[in-house]
Amino acid sequence: MKIAVVGFGAAAIGFISELVGTSHEIHIFERSKDVYSASISGVRSDGKLFISNDMGGDIEIPLSLQKEVVDYYTSKLERDERNNIKRGLSFSEESPFFDRFYSEGFEPVKSEFFHIGTDKLPVILKKIYDEFSKASNIHFHFSTRVDDVIIQNGKAKVKSENFEDIFDMAVISVGRSGHVLIKKIVERDPPLVLSGNVVDVGVRYEVPNHVVKELNEEMYEFKVRMRAKTGYMVRTFCNNPSGKVVLEEYDDFVTVNGHSTSVASSENTNFAILCSTSFTEPFNDPIGYGSYIAKLGNILAGGRKVLVQTYEDFVNCKRTKKLGRVKPTLNENSCVLGDVNLVLPRRIALSISEFVRKLGNVVEGLSYPDNLLYAVEVKFYSNKLNNEKYENLKFIGDCSGYTRSITYATAHGKMLARNFGDA
């Protein structure tokens, strides 16, 4: 079978890893110029893996397969590096923090974490790429942006600006950043969409390490969620002890993100605070909604930059003109002091204020007045797509709408590949 894989990220890695050396002819089309480039962001930045049934996606992934995925990535490290991977449990039954968060209305999320670190990921990616490239049935096509995939006469036509070919199957694994391609496909065939209309909008929050030292030492990644008075579900995401805040680049806007290396790179800890926003008919463009908010933030920041504000000024709806004790880890050329309230919709801003205030009731320093908020952080989710409609068109990973993590996306790819074997 001749298979086109569109996008080379976590889901594609899972899919291809099952088919190396088989009779299937696999062609991978990746818009980036090489294996290190930005669009492979899911497995390029931070490298936080976990094993959990309570997070990571809306599809059932057996814990045994999740562990297999973790072992797959970590096995690419040298033995001494594998032994130094940071590990932790989020809210074990013995955790002294469990009741403290629970009593404030939070739902603690249980998980087992493994943190590789941004600095180690290029080595892992290169080893995976080299292993795939050596296989006679695997063919990479970098600097190739696929513009459309059309199902005709039981075949998949894959088109780009300078390329067109026919395949027995097309596997779309473009992640969240491939929403333009996904939108084109589903607009031509609306029944592919099963459900959707969800986007997460919020901020990246930064505090001094000493404030969360005890929390970080116990579990490395604390995960909590809470139903705010506004009705929004608010959650923490991607905690980075001794990490840095960074920009996440899109074609026509930037958002904020965070990462950490295998060794300390700052005196601050950052994590996302996100509000899950869902919509009803007739609105059907949550990606456009999140993109619009991100672009507004860029406009107010004067270009491809984000806003930064102290927590006290955020609560009091005052533009930040002077920072306090907490110094930004984001490059000063990438952010501007401002008022995040001019960007975030009111319900989201109120939800974040309530969330941080209650975090401060659990760990006092989490609501210090000079802690920092960067805006905006957006997590785009594809509509949940129908993988059963066509035998020769499949969606895997975050673009499918069913996953939102390295672990789940990789496992999703593996599960698809195991379904049809060496035929």
Protein backbone atom coordinates (compact mmCIF):
# COMPACT_ATOMS: atom_id res chain seq x y z
CA MET A 1 0.00 0.00 0.00
CA LYS A 2 1.27 3.47 -0.93
CA ILE A 3 0.55 5.83 1.99
CA ALA A 4 0.94 9.62 2.27
CA VAL A 5 1.57 10.95 5.77
CA VAL A 6 0.93 14.69 5.93
CA GLY A 7 2.89 16.31 8.76
CA PHE A 8 5.75 14.91 10.82
CA GLY A 9 4.98 15.23 14.50
CA ALA A 10 4.11 12.96 17.41
CA ALA A 11 1.18 11.18 15.72
CA ALA A 12 3.18 10.58 12.54
CA ILE A 13 6.09 9.21 14.56
CA GLY A 14 3.76 6.73 16.26
CA PHE A 15 2.23 5.67 12.95
CA ILE A 16 5.52 5.32 11.06
CA SER A 17 7.28 3.49 13.90
CA GLU A 18 4.85 0.59 13.45
CA LEU A 19 5.42 0.34 9.68
CA VAL A 20 9.21 0.60 9.35
CA GLY A 21 10.47 -2.27 7.21
CA THR A 22 7.00 -3.43 6.09
CA SER A 23 5.77 -3.73 2.51
CA HIS A 24 3.95 -0.39 2.81
CA GLU A 25 5.49 2.50 0.88
CA ILE A 26 5.34 5.53 3.20
CA HIS A 27 5.82 9.12 1.99
CA ILE A 28 6.02 11.85 4.66
CA PHE A 29 5.24 15.43 3.58
CA GLU A 30 6.45 18.09 6.02
CA ARG A 31 6.27 21.82 5.38
CA SER A 32 9.36 22.55 7.52
CA LYS A 33 12.78 22.52 5.94
CA ASP A 34 14.20 19.79 8.19
CA VAL A 35 13.59 17.65 11.25
CA TYR A 36 14.56 20.43 13.66
CA SER A 37 12.16 23.06 12.37
CA ALA A 38 9.31 24.73 14.22
CA SER A 39 6.22 22.94 12.94
CA ILE A 40 7.26 19.74 14.70
CA SER A 41 6.46 21.63 17.90
CA GLY A 42 4.71 18.86 19.81
CA VAL A 43 7.90 16.86 20.18
CA ARG A 44 10.30 19.79 19.84
CA SER A 45 9.49 21.92 22.86
CA ASP A 46 9.87 20.73 26.45
CA GLY A 47 9.20 17.02 25.95
CA LYS A 48 6.81 16.40 28.81
CA LEU A 49 5.33 12.91 28.71
CA PHE A 50 2.80 11.36 31.04
CA ILE A 51 0.77 8.27 31.74
CA SER A 52 -2.79 9.05 32.79
CA ASN A 53 -6.43 8.26 32.07
CA ASP A 54 -7.53 11.74 33.21
CA MET A 55 -5.84 14.00 30.65
CA GLY A 56 -4.33 14.13 27.19
CA GLY A 57 -7.28 13.42 24.97
CA ASP A 58 -10.83 12.23 24.41
CA ILE A 59 -9.97 8.73 23.30
CA GLU A 60 -9.28 5.65 25.38
CA ILE A 61 -5.56 4.84 25.31
CA PRO A 62 -4.58 1.81 27.43
CA LEU A 63 -2.05 2.64 30.14
CA SER A 64 0.19 -0.11 28.78
CA LEU A 65 0.34 1.63 25.39
CA GLN A 66 0.99 4.99 27.03
CA LYS A 67 3.94 3.45 28.87
CA GLU A 68 5.15 1.96 25.59
CA VAL A 69 5.14 5.45 24.07
CA VAL A 70 7.11 6.90 26.99
CA ASP A 71 9.63 4.07 26.74
CA TYR A 72 9.92 4.61 22.99
CA TYR A 73 11.00 8.23 23.33
CA THR A 74 13.19 7.80 26.39
CA SER A 75 14.98 4.80 24.86
CA LYS A 76 16.54 7.20 22.34
CA LEU A 77 18.59 8.78 25.14
CA GLU A 78 21.91 7.46 26.43
CA ARG A 79 21.66 5.30 29.54
CA ASP A 80 22.92 7.99 31.94
CA GLU A 81 20.51 10.52 30.41
CA ARG A 82 17.60 8.11 30.82
CA ASN A 83 18.49 7.74 34.49
CA ASN A 84 18.41 11.52 34.92
CA ILE A 85 14.94 12.10 33.45
CA LYS A 86 12.81 14.02 35.90
CA ARG A 87 9.87 11.92 37.03
CA GLY A 88 6.97 12.55 39.34
CA LEU A 89 3.44 11.74 40.34
CA SER A 90 0.78 14.40 40.17
CA PHE A 91 -1.36 14.09 43.29
CA SER A 92 -0.71 10.60 44.59
CA GLU A 93 -3.05 9.40 47.32
CA GLU A 94 -0.45 10.38 49.92
CA SER A 95 0.02 13.92 48.62
CA PRO A 96 -0.39 16.54 51.37
CA PHE A 97 -1.57 18.95 48.67
CA PHE A 98 -4.54 16.88 47.57
CA ASP A 99 -6.90 17.96 50.36
CA ARG A 100 -5.61 21.55 50.27
CA PHE A 101 -6.54 21.94 46.60
CA TYR A 102 -9.73 19.93 46.95
CA SER A 103 -11.01 22.11 49.81
CA GLU A 104 -10.71 25.21 47.59
CA GLY A 105 -12.87 23.69 44.86
CA PHE A 106 -10.10 22.36 42.63
CA GLU A 107 -10.13 18.92 41.08
CA PRO A 108 -6.58 17.51 41.35
CA VAL A 109 -5.60 15.47 38.27
CA LYS A 110 -3.64 12.29 38.86
CA SER A 111 -0.83 11.41 36.47
CA GLU A 112 2.67 9.99 36.19
CA PHE A 113 5.09 12.46 34.55
CA PHE A 114 8.39 12.17 32.69
CA HIS A 115 10.20 15.35 31.67
CA ILE A 116 12.88 15.02 29.00
CA GLY A 117 13.72 18.71 28.51
CA THR A 118 13.92 20.92 25.44
CA ASP A 119 17.70 20.54 25.24
CA LYS A 120 17.47 16.75 24.85
CA LEU A 121 14.72 16.65 22.23
CA PRO A 122 16.85 17.43 19.14
CA VAL A 123 18.92 14.30 19.82
CA ILE A 124 15.79 12.17 20.17
CA LEU A 125 14.22 13.57 17.01
CA LYS A 126 17.43 13.07 15.03
CA LYS A 127 17.70 9.44 16.14
CA ILE A 128 14.07 8.77 15.22
CA TYR A 129 14.52 10.46 11.84
CA ASP A 130 17.74 8.53 11.14
CA GLU A 131 16.06 5.21 12.00
CA PHE A 132 13.13 5.99 9.73
CA SER A 133 15.33 7.26 6.89
CA LYS A 134 17.38 4.06 6.81
CA ALA A 135 14.28 2.01 6.04
CA SER A 136 13.84 1.41 2.31
CA ASN A 137 10.06 1.92 2.52
CA ILE A 138 10.16 5.34 4.24
CA HIS A 139 10.58 8.52 2.17
CA PHE A 140 10.73 12.09 3.54
CA HIS A 141 9.72 15.20 1.60
CA PHE A 142 10.63 18.33 3.58
CA SER A 143 9.77 21.89 2.51
CA THR A 144 6.52 20.49 1.06
CA ARG A 145 3.35 22.16 2.27
CA VAL A 146 0.33 20.05 1.34
CA ASP A 147 -2.49 22.33 0.21
CA ASP A 148 -5.24 19.78 -0.26
CA VAL A 149 -6.15 16.11 -0.03
CA ILE A 150 -9.01 14.93 -2.27
CA ILE A 151 -10.66 11.52 -2.19
CA GLN A 152 -11.49 10.31 -5.70
CA ASN A 153 -12.37 6.83 -6.96
CA GLY A 154 -11.13 5.12 -3.83
CA LYS A 155 -7.77 6.90 -3.92
CA ALA A 156 -6.29 9.95 -2.16
CA LYS A 157 -4.95 12.78 -4.29
CA VAL A 158 -2.33 14.81 -2.41
CA LYS A 159 -1.64 18.29 -3.80
CA SER A 160 0.89 21.01 -3.04
CA GLU A 161 2.07 24.05 -4.98
CA ASN A 162 4.71 22.05 -6.88
CA PHE A 163 3.54 18.48 -6.39
CA GLU A 164 0.59 16.18 -7.01
CA ASP A 165 0.35 12.41 -6.63
CA ILE A 166 -2.15 9.61 -6.03
CA PHE A 167 -1.97 7.35 -2.95
CA ASP A 168 -3.87 4.36 -1.66
CA MET A 169 -4.29 6.16 1.67
CA ALA A 170 -3.67 9.61 3.14
CA VAL A 171 -2.98 9.92 6.87
CA ILE A 172 -3.37 13.51 8.07
CA SER A 173 -1.21 14.27 11.11
CA VAL A 174 -0.72 18.03 10.87
CA GLY A 175 -1.36 18.83 14.52
CA ARG A 176 -3.24 21.95 15.58
CA SER A 177 -1.10 24.16 13.36
CA GLY A 178 -2.53 22.48 10.27
CA HIS A 179 -6.01 23.93 10.73
CA VAL A 180 -5.98 25.58 7.27
CA LEU A 181 -5.68 22.20 5.53
CA ILE A 182 -8.23 20.58 7.82
CA LYS A 183 -10.69 23.41 7.24
CA LYS A 184 -10.39 23.01 3.47
CA ILE A 185 -11.05 19.27 3.66
CA VAL A 186 -14.08 19.49 5.96
CA GLU A 187 -15.65 22.44 4.14
CA ARG A 188 -15.76 20.26 1.04
CA ASP A 189 -17.12 17.33 3.06
CA PRO A 190 -18.99 18.65 6.17
CA PRO A 191 -20.13 15.18 7.39
CA LEU A 192 -16.50 14.52 8.34
CA VAL A 193 -17.08 16.71 11.40
CA LEU A 194 -18.63 14.82 14.31
CA SER A 195 -18.37 17.59 16.93
CA GLY A 196 -16.21 20.55 17.84
CA ASN A 197 -16.38 24.25 18.59
CA VAL A 198 -13.92 24.25 21.51
CA VAL A 199 -10.86 26.44 22.09
CA ASP A 200 -8.80 27.11 25.22
CA VAL A 201 -7.87 30.74 25.84
CA GLY A 202 -5.85 32.09 28.74
CA VAL A 203 -2.49 33.30 29.96
CA ARG A 204 0.98 32.06 30.85
CA TYR A 205 1.54 32.70 34.57
CA GLU A 206 5.01 33.21 36.06
CA VAL A 207 6.08 33.07 39.72
CA PRO A 208 9.38 32.82 41.61
CA ASN A 209 10.65 29.27 42.16
CA HIS A 210 10.70 29.63 45.94
CA VAL A 211 6.92 30.19 45.97
CA VAL A 212 6.23 26.73 44.53
CA LYS A 213 9.40 24.95 45.69
CA GLU A 214 7.54 22.42 47.85
CA LEU A 215 4.92 21.81 45.17
CA ASN A 216 7.52 21.34 42.42
CA GLU A 217 9.69 19.05 44.50
CA GLU A 218 6.80 16.73 45.26
CA MET A 219 5.26 16.31 41.83
CA TYR A 220 7.11 18.44 39.24
CA GLU A 221 3.89 19.00 37.28
CA PHE A 222 0.81 19.91 39.29
CA LYS A 223 -2.44 19.61 37.37
CA VAL A 224 -5.67 21.06 38.73
CA ARG A 225 -8.94 22.22 37.21
CA MET A 226 -11.90 24.12 38.60
CA ARG A 227 -15.36 25.19 37.50
CA ALA A 228 -15.36 28.98 37.88
CA LYS A 229 -18.42 31.03 38.83
CA THR A 230 -18.64 32.08 35.19
CA GLY A 231 -19.31 28.46 34.27
CA TYR A 232 -15.97 28.03 32.48
CA MET A 233 -13.72 25.11 33.27
CA VAL A 234 -10.28 26.55 34.10
CA ARG A 235 -7.12 24.45 34.34
CA THR A 236 -3.39 24.58 34.73
CA PHE A 237 -1.25 23.25 31.91
CA CYS A 238 2.45 22.69 31.18
CA ASN A 239 4.18 23.59 34.45
CA ASN A 240 7.86 24.50 33.93
CA PRO A 241 10.00 24.72 37.08
CA SER A 242 13.09 26.89 36.55
CA GLY A 243 11.86 27.36 32.99
CA LYS A 244 11.34 30.20 30.56
CA VAL A 245 8.40 31.79 28.79
CA VAL A 246 8.68 31.70 24.99
CA LEU A 247 6.72 32.75 21.93
CA GLU A 248 4.80 30.24 19.85
CA GLU A 249 4.91 31.26 16.21
CA TYR A 250 2.01 31.00 13.77
CA ASP A 251 1.85 32.30 10.21
CA ASP A 252 0.05 35.54 11.02
CA PHE A 253 0.28 35.91 14.81
CA VAL A 254 2.17 34.78 17.90
CA THR A 255 1.00 33.40 21.21
CA VAL A 256 2.84 32.67 24.43
CA ASN A 257 4.08 29.31 25.69
CA GLY A 258 6.63 27.94 28.14
CA HIS A 259 9.35 25.35 28.32
CA SER A 260 12.15 24.08 30.51
CA THR A 261 15.39 22.26 29.86
CA SER A 262 16.81 19.25 31.72
CA VAL A 263 18.78 21.69 33.90
CA ALA A 264 17.58 24.91 35.54
CA SER A 265 17.54 27.90 33.19
CA SER A 266 15.86 30.56 35.35
CA GLU A 267 14.73 31.41 38.88
CA ASN A 268 11.04 31.31 37.91
CA THR A 269 8.34 28.71 37.34
CA ASN A 270 5.73 29.25 34.61
CA PHE A 271 2.52 27.46 33.73
CA ALA A 272 -0.58 28.11 31.64
CA ILE A 273 -3.99 29.01 33.04
CA LEU A 274 -6.56 28.15 30.38
CA CYS A 275 -10.33 28.55 30.07
CA SER A 276 -12.12 25.99 27.93
CA THR A 277 -14.56 27.88 25.72
CA SER A 278 -17.25 26.05 23.73
CA PHE A 279 -19.75 27.49 21.29
CA THR A 280 -23.15 26.61 19.93
CA GLU A 281 -24.73 27.09 16.51
CA PRO A 282 -24.57 29.07 14.36
CA PHE A 283 -20.97 29.84 15.32
CA ASN A 284 -18.58 27.18 14.05
CA ASP A 285 -15.10 28.74 13.97
CA PRO A 286 -13.40 28.35 17.39
CA ILE A 287 -9.98 28.48 15.75
CA GLY A 288 -10.89 31.81 14.19
CA TYR A 289 -12.08 33.04 17.60
CA GLY A 290 -8.83 32.11 19.33
CA SER A 291 -6.77 33.49 16.46
CA TYR A 292 -8.65 36.80 16.60
CA ILE A 293 -7.90 37.20 20.32
CA ALA A 294 -4.23 36.37 19.74
CA LYS A 295 -4.01 38.89 16.90
CA LEU A 296 -5.63 41.57 19.08
CA GLY A 297 -2.96 40.96 21.71
CA ASN A 298 -0.25 41.33 19.06
CA ILE A 299 -1.79 44.58 17.83
CA LEU A 300 -1.79 46.08 21.33
CA ALA A 301 1.77 44.88 21.87
CA GLY A 302 2.89 46.59 18.66
CA GLY A 303 3.65 43.63 16.39
CA ARG A 304 4.65 40.00 16.83
CA LYS A 305 4.83 40.42 20.58
CA VAL A 306 2.69 39.60 23.61
CA LEU A 307 1.51 41.63 26.60
CA VAL A 308 2.84 41.15 30.13
CA GLN A 309 1.12 42.44 33.28
CA THR A 310 1.42 42.03 37.03
CA TYR A 311 -1.32 40.08 38.77
CA GLU A 312 -2.28 43.07 40.95
CA ASP A 313 -2.70 45.34 37.94
CA PHE A 314 -4.66 42.63 36.12
CA VAL A 315 -7.15 42.34 38.98
CA ASN A 316 -7.45 46.13 39.25
CA CYS A 317 -7.76 46.59 35.46
CA LYS A 318 -4.76 48.93 35.36
CA ARG A 319 -2.07 48.95 32.71
CA THR A 320 1.24 47.76 34.11
CA LYS A 321 3.89 50.44 33.78
CA LYS A 322 6.45 49.07 36.22
CA LEU A 323 7.40 45.56 37.26
CA GLY A 324 7.97 44.38 40.81
CA ARG A 325 10.19 41.61 42.15
CA VAL A 326 9.39 39.03 39.46
CA LYS A 327 11.47 39.56 36.32
CA PRO A 328 10.16 38.22 32.98
CA THR A 329 12.01 35.28 31.47
CA LEU A 330 10.60 36.06 28.03
CA ASN A 331 13.03 38.05 25.88
CA GLU A 332 12.35 41.77 26.36
CA ASN A 333 12.06 42.21 22.60
CA SER A 334 9.11 39.79 22.57
CA CYS A 335 6.83 41.42 25.15
CA VAL A 336 5.42 44.80 26.15
CA LEU A 337 4.00 45.99 29.48
CA GLY A 338 0.25 46.48 29.12
CA ASP A 339 -3.25 45.57 30.22
CA VAL A 340 -4.36 42.03 29.45
CA ASN A 341 -7.97 43.04 30.19
CA LEU A 342 -8.02 44.86 26.85
CA VAL A 343 -7.50 41.53 25.09
CA LEU A 344 -9.30 38.81 27.02
CA PRO A 345 -13.11 38.58 26.95
CA ARG A 346 -14.61 39.55 30.32
CA ARG A 347 -15.79 36.07 31.31
CA ILE A 348 -12.34 34.63 30.68
CA ALA A 349 -10.62 37.43 32.62
CA LEU A 350 -12.98 36.94 35.58
CA SER A 351 -12.43 33.18 35.50
CA ILE A 352 -8.65 33.59 35.59
CA SER A 353 -8.85 36.10 38.46
CA GLU A 354 -10.95 33.69 40.53
CA PHE A 355 -8.64 30.80 39.69
CA VAL A 356 -5.47 32.63 40.78
CA ARG A 357 -7.10 33.94 43.95
CA LYS A 358 -8.02 30.40 44.96
CA LEU A 359 -4.56 29.12 44.02
CA GLY A 360 -3.24 31.70 46.49
CA ASN A 361 -5.45 30.21 49.21
CA VAL A 362 -3.62 26.90 48.72
CA VAL A 363 -0.10 28.27 48.18
CA GLU A 364 0.05 31.88 49.35
CA GLY A 365 2.74 33.02 46.93
CA LEU A 366 0.73 32.00 43.88
CA SER A 367 -1.30 35.21 44.20
CA TYR A 368 1.52 37.63 45.01
CA PRO A 369 0.75 41.04 43.46
CA ASP A 370 3.90 41.15 41.30
CA ASN A 371 3.54 37.71 39.73
CA LEU A 372 3.26 37.98 35.96
CA LEU A 373 0.62 37.18 33.34
CA TYR A 374 1.53 36.94 29.65
CA ALA A 375 -1.26 37.09 27.07
CA VAL A 376 -2.42 35.33 25.26
CA GLU A 377 -1.94 31.60 25.37
CA VAL A 378 -4.28 29.68 23.09
CA LYS A 379 -4.71 25.95 22.60
CA PHE A 380 -6.53 25.15 19.39
CA TYR A 381 -8.47 21.93 19.08
CA SER A 382 -9.61 20.53 15.80
CA ASN A 383 -13.17 19.40 15.39
CA LYS A 384 -13.62 15.73 16.18
CA LEU A 385 -13.37 14.12 12.77
CA ASN A 386 -14.92 10.94 11.42
CA ASN A 387 -12.22 8.35 10.81
CA GLU A 388 -14.76 5.77 9.67
CA LYS A 389 -16.23 7.54 6.63
CA TYR A 390 -13.35 6.76 4.27
CA GLU A 391 -11.08 3.73 4.24
CA ASN A 392 -8.34 5.78 2.59
CA LEU A 393 -8.49 9.04 4.60
CA LYS A 394 -7.55 9.02 8.28
CA PHE A 395 -6.84 11.77 10.82
CA ILE A 396 -4.49 11.12 13.73
CA GLY A 397 -3.15 13.16 16.62
CA ASP A 398 -4.26 16.63 17.62
CA CYS A 399 -5.72 17.49 14.20
CA SER A 400 -8.24 14.67 14.66
CA GLY A 401 -9.77 16.41 17.67
CA TYR A 402 -9.20 13.38 19.90
CA THR A 403 -5.74 14.05 21.37
CA ARG A 404 -3.89 16.96 22.95
CA SER A 405 -0.56 15.57 24.13
CA ILE A 406 2.60 13.89 22.88
CA THR A 407 1.68 10.63 24.60
CA TYR A 408 -1.86 10.38 23.26
CA ALA A 409 -1.00 11.61 19.77
CA THR A 410 1.84 9.09 19.39
CA ALA A 411 -0.34 6.30 20.71
CA HIS A 412 -3.14 7.31 18.32
CA GLY A 413 -0.75 6.90 15.40
CA LYS A 414 0.37 3.50 16.64
CA MET A 415 -3.19 2.31 17.03
CA LEU A 416 -4.07 3.21 13.43
CA ALA A 417 -1.00 1.48 12.03
CA ARG A 418 -1.72 -1.70 13.99
CA ASN A 419 -5.19 -1.87 12.49
CA PHE A 420 -4.08 -2.83 9.00
CA GLY A 421 -0.72 -4.55 9.45
CA ASP A 422 1.70 -5.50 6.67
CA ALA A 423 -0.68 -5.74 3.72
